[in-house]
Amino acid sequence: MKALRVVLIIVGLLTLIPSVIGVVLPWDRLVCMFKWFGVILPAVTEANYTLYLVRVGCVTYAWAGFLFLLAAVDLNKYLVLIRSLALASICVGLACILVGARIAIPTVAFLVDGLFCLISGGLIWTLSSPLSSQGKQAMSPAKP
C-alpha cells in the first residue's frame, strides 16, 4: 500500500506542477519552453482558439493532479477514484500516442505524455488490485 501511495503522490505532483505552470506562464514563455524541449510550434499556436484550448487543458490536468494527490490520502476510501484515475491515465496515454502519431507531430511531444500516462496508469492499476480484492472480501457476508 505504501508503494501505491508513493506512486500516486509522484504522479500527482508530476501532473499538477507543469499544469499550473501552463496556466500561469505567459504564452510567449510557454512557446520558448517548448522550443527548449525541441518542439517548434507552428504559427497557428497564436490563434485565440489554440490559447483557449491549451489553458483549459492545463486546468483540467491540474485538477487531475490534485485528484491523484487526494486519492493518496486514504487508499481504501478512494479506491474507486484510484481505479478510475488509472483507467483514465491509460486511455489518455493511448490517445496521446495514437493521435500524435497520426497527425505526425514530433515524436518526443506525444511519447513523453503518452508513455508517462500508460506506465503510471498501469502501475496504479496493478498496485491497487490487492486493495480491490481486499474490499470484495470485506464486503462478502461471513459464513457460519
Protein backbone atom coordinates (compact mmCIF):
# COMPACT_ATOMS: atom_id res chain seq x y z
CA MET A 1 0.00 0.00 0.00
CA LYS A 2 2.90 2.31 0.68
CA ALA A 3 4.15 1.86 -2.91
CA LEU A 4 0.73 2.85 -4.28
CA ARG A 5 0.67 5.96 -2.10
CA VAL A 6 4.16 6.97 -3.29
CA VAL A 7 3.22 6.42 -6.95
CA LEU A 8 0.03 8.47 -6.55
CA ILE A 9 1.97 11.34 -4.95
CA ILE A 10 4.67 11.32 -7.63
CA VAL A 11 2.15 11.13 -10.48
CA GLY A 12 0.03 13.81 -8.82
CA LEU A 13 2.94 16.22 -8.48
CA LEU A 14 4.27 15.49 -11.99
CA THR A 15 0.80 16.22 -13.36
CA LEU A 16 -0.11 19.17 -11.14
CA ILE A 17 3.08 21.26 -11.23
CA PRO A 18 3.59 21.51 -15.03
CA SER A 19 -0.14 22.10 -15.49
CA VAL A 20 -0.20 25.00 -13.05
CA ILE A 21 2.87 26.42 -14.82
CA GLY A 22 0.96 26.09 -18.10
CA VAL A 23 -1.96 28.04 -16.65
CA VAL A 24 0.00 30.96 -15.20
CA LEU A 25 3.01 31.34 -17.51
CA PRO A 26 2.68 33.94 -20.29
CA TRP A 27 2.12 32.40 -23.72
CA ASP A 28 5.44 33.53 -25.24
CA ARG A 29 7.31 31.91 -22.33
CA LEU A 30 5.42 28.64 -22.89
CA VAL A 31 6.37 28.66 -26.58
CA CYS A 32 10.03 29.19 -25.56
CA MET A 33 9.78 26.26 -23.14
CA PHE A 34 8.54 24.02 -25.95
CA LYS A 35 11.48 25.11 -28.10
CA TRP A 36 13.81 24.17 -25.25
CA PHE A 37 12.40 20.62 -25.47
CA GLY A 38 12.94 20.64 -29.24
CA VAL A 39 9.30 21.16 -30.18
CA ILE A 40 8.77 24.02 -32.61
CA LEU A 41 5.18 25.24 -32.56
CA PRO A 42 3.68 26.48 -35.85
CA ALA A 43 2.11 29.93 -36.27
CA VAL A 44 -1.35 28.51 -35.56
CA THR A 45 -0.41 28.46 -31.88
CA GLU A 46 -1.01 32.21 -31.78
CA ALA A 47 -4.71 31.75 -32.57
CA ASN A 48 -7.03 32.61 -29.69
CA TYR A 49 -8.75 29.23 -30.01
CA THR A 50 -5.43 27.44 -29.52
CA LEU A 51 -4.59 29.58 -26.49
CA TYR A 52 -8.01 28.77 -25.06
CA LEU A 53 -7.63 25.01 -25.60
CA VAL A 54 -4.14 24.89 -24.09
CA ARG A 55 -5.19 26.84 -20.98
CA VAL A 56 -8.34 24.73 -20.48
CA GLY A 57 -6.28 21.57 -20.95
CA CYS A 58 -3.78 22.75 -18.34
CA VAL A 59 -6.57 23.47 -15.84
CA THR A 60 -8.03 20.00 -16.48
CA TYR A 61 -4.65 18.34 -15.94
CA ALA A 62 -4.09 20.42 -12.80
CA TRP A 63 -7.32 19.05 -11.35
CA ALA A 64 -6.30 15.53 -12.33
CA GLY A 65 -3.02 16.04 -10.45
CA PHE A 66 -4.98 17.25 -7.44
CA LEU A 67 -7.17 14.14 -7.60
CA PHE A 68 -4.11 11.86 -7.64
CA LEU A 69 -2.85 13.62 -4.50
CA LEU A 70 -6.28 13.43 -2.85
CA ALA A 71 -6.50 9.70 -3.59
CA ALA A 72 -3.15 9.17 -1.86
CA VAL A 73 -4.59 10.44 1.43
CA ASP A 74 -6.83 7.40 2.09
CA LEU A 75 -6.34 4.48 -0.30
CA ASN A 76 -9.27 2.40 0.94
CA LYS A 77 -11.72 5.30 0.98
CA TYR A 78 -10.78 6.49 -2.52
CA LEU A 79 -10.30 3.09 -4.18
CA VAL A 80 -12.97 3.75 -6.83
CA LEU A 81 -11.31 7.09 -7.63
CA ILE A 82 -7.88 5.45 -7.79
CA ARG A 83 -9.06 2.77 -10.21
CA SER A 84 -10.89 5.38 -12.31
CA LEU A 85 -7.77 7.56 -12.48
CA ALA A 86 -5.72 4.54 -13.54
CA LEU A 87 -8.11 3.74 -16.40
CA ALA A 88 -8.30 7.41 -17.40
CA SER A 89 -4.49 7.58 -17.48
CA ILE A 90 -4.27 4.52 -19.71
CA CYS A 91 -6.90 5.94 -22.08
CA VAL A 92 -5.19 9.36 -22.22
CA GLY A 93 -1.84 7.67 -22.85
CA LEU A 94 -3.22 5.64 -25.74
CA ALA A 95 -4.91 8.73 -27.18
CA CYS A 96 -1.69 10.77 -26.94
CA ILE A 97 0.31 8.13 -28.77
CA LEU A 98 -2.28 7.27 -31.43
CA VAL A 99 -3.31 10.85 -32.22
CA GLY A 100 0.25 12.18 -32.01
CA ALA A 101 1.50 9.56 -34.44
CA ARG A 102 -1.49 10.08 -36.75
CA ILE A 103 -1.00 13.84 -37.07
CA ALA A 104 2.79 13.46 -37.31
CA ILE A 105 3.85 15.82 -34.55
CA PRO A 106 7.41 15.43 -33.21
CA THR A 107 7.77 12.04 -31.55
CA VAL A 108 9.05 13.44 -28.27
CA ALA A 109 5.93 15.60 -27.97
CA PHE A 110 3.49 12.70 -27.78
CA LEU A 111 5.69 9.88 -26.47
CA VAL A 112 6.62 11.68 -23.25
CA ASP A 113 2.98 12.28 -22.33
CA GLY A 114 1.72 9.00 -23.74
CA LEU A 115 4.28 6.74 -22.10
CA PHE A 116 4.02 8.60 -18.78
CA CYS A 117 0.25 8.10 -18.77
CA LEU A 118 0.41 4.45 -19.86
CA ILE A 119 3.10 3.50 -17.35
CA SER A 120 1.63 5.42 -14.43
CA GLY A 121 -1.91 4.21 -15.16
CA GLY A 122 -0.78 0.59 -15.45
CA LEU A 123 1.29 0.86 -12.30
CA ILE A 124 -1.56 2.40 -10.31
CA TRP A 125 -3.99 -0.23 -11.60
CA THR A 126 -1.61 -3.05 -10.68
CA LEU A 127 -0.77 -1.68 -7.25
CA SER A 128 -4.44 -1.05 -6.43
CA SER A 129 -5.55 -4.58 -7.36
CA PRO A 130 -4.81 -6.06 -3.92
CA LEU A 131 -6.91 -3.31 -2.33
CA SER A 132 -9.76 -4.13 -4.67
CA SER A 133 -9.72 -7.82 -3.72
CA GLN A 134 -9.49 -6.95 -0.01
CA GLY A 135 -12.55 -4.72 -0.36
CA LYS A 136 -14.54 -7.50 -2.02
CA GLN A 137 -13.61 -9.93 0.75
CA ALA A 138 -14.61 -7.46 3.44
CA MET A 139 -18.00 -6.91 1.79
CA SER A 140 -18.86 -10.61 1.43
CA PRO A 141 -21.02 -11.98 4.26
CA ALA A 142 -19.28 -14.16 6.82
CA LYS A 143 -20.21 -17.85 6.70
CA PRO A 144 -21.23 -19.52 9.96
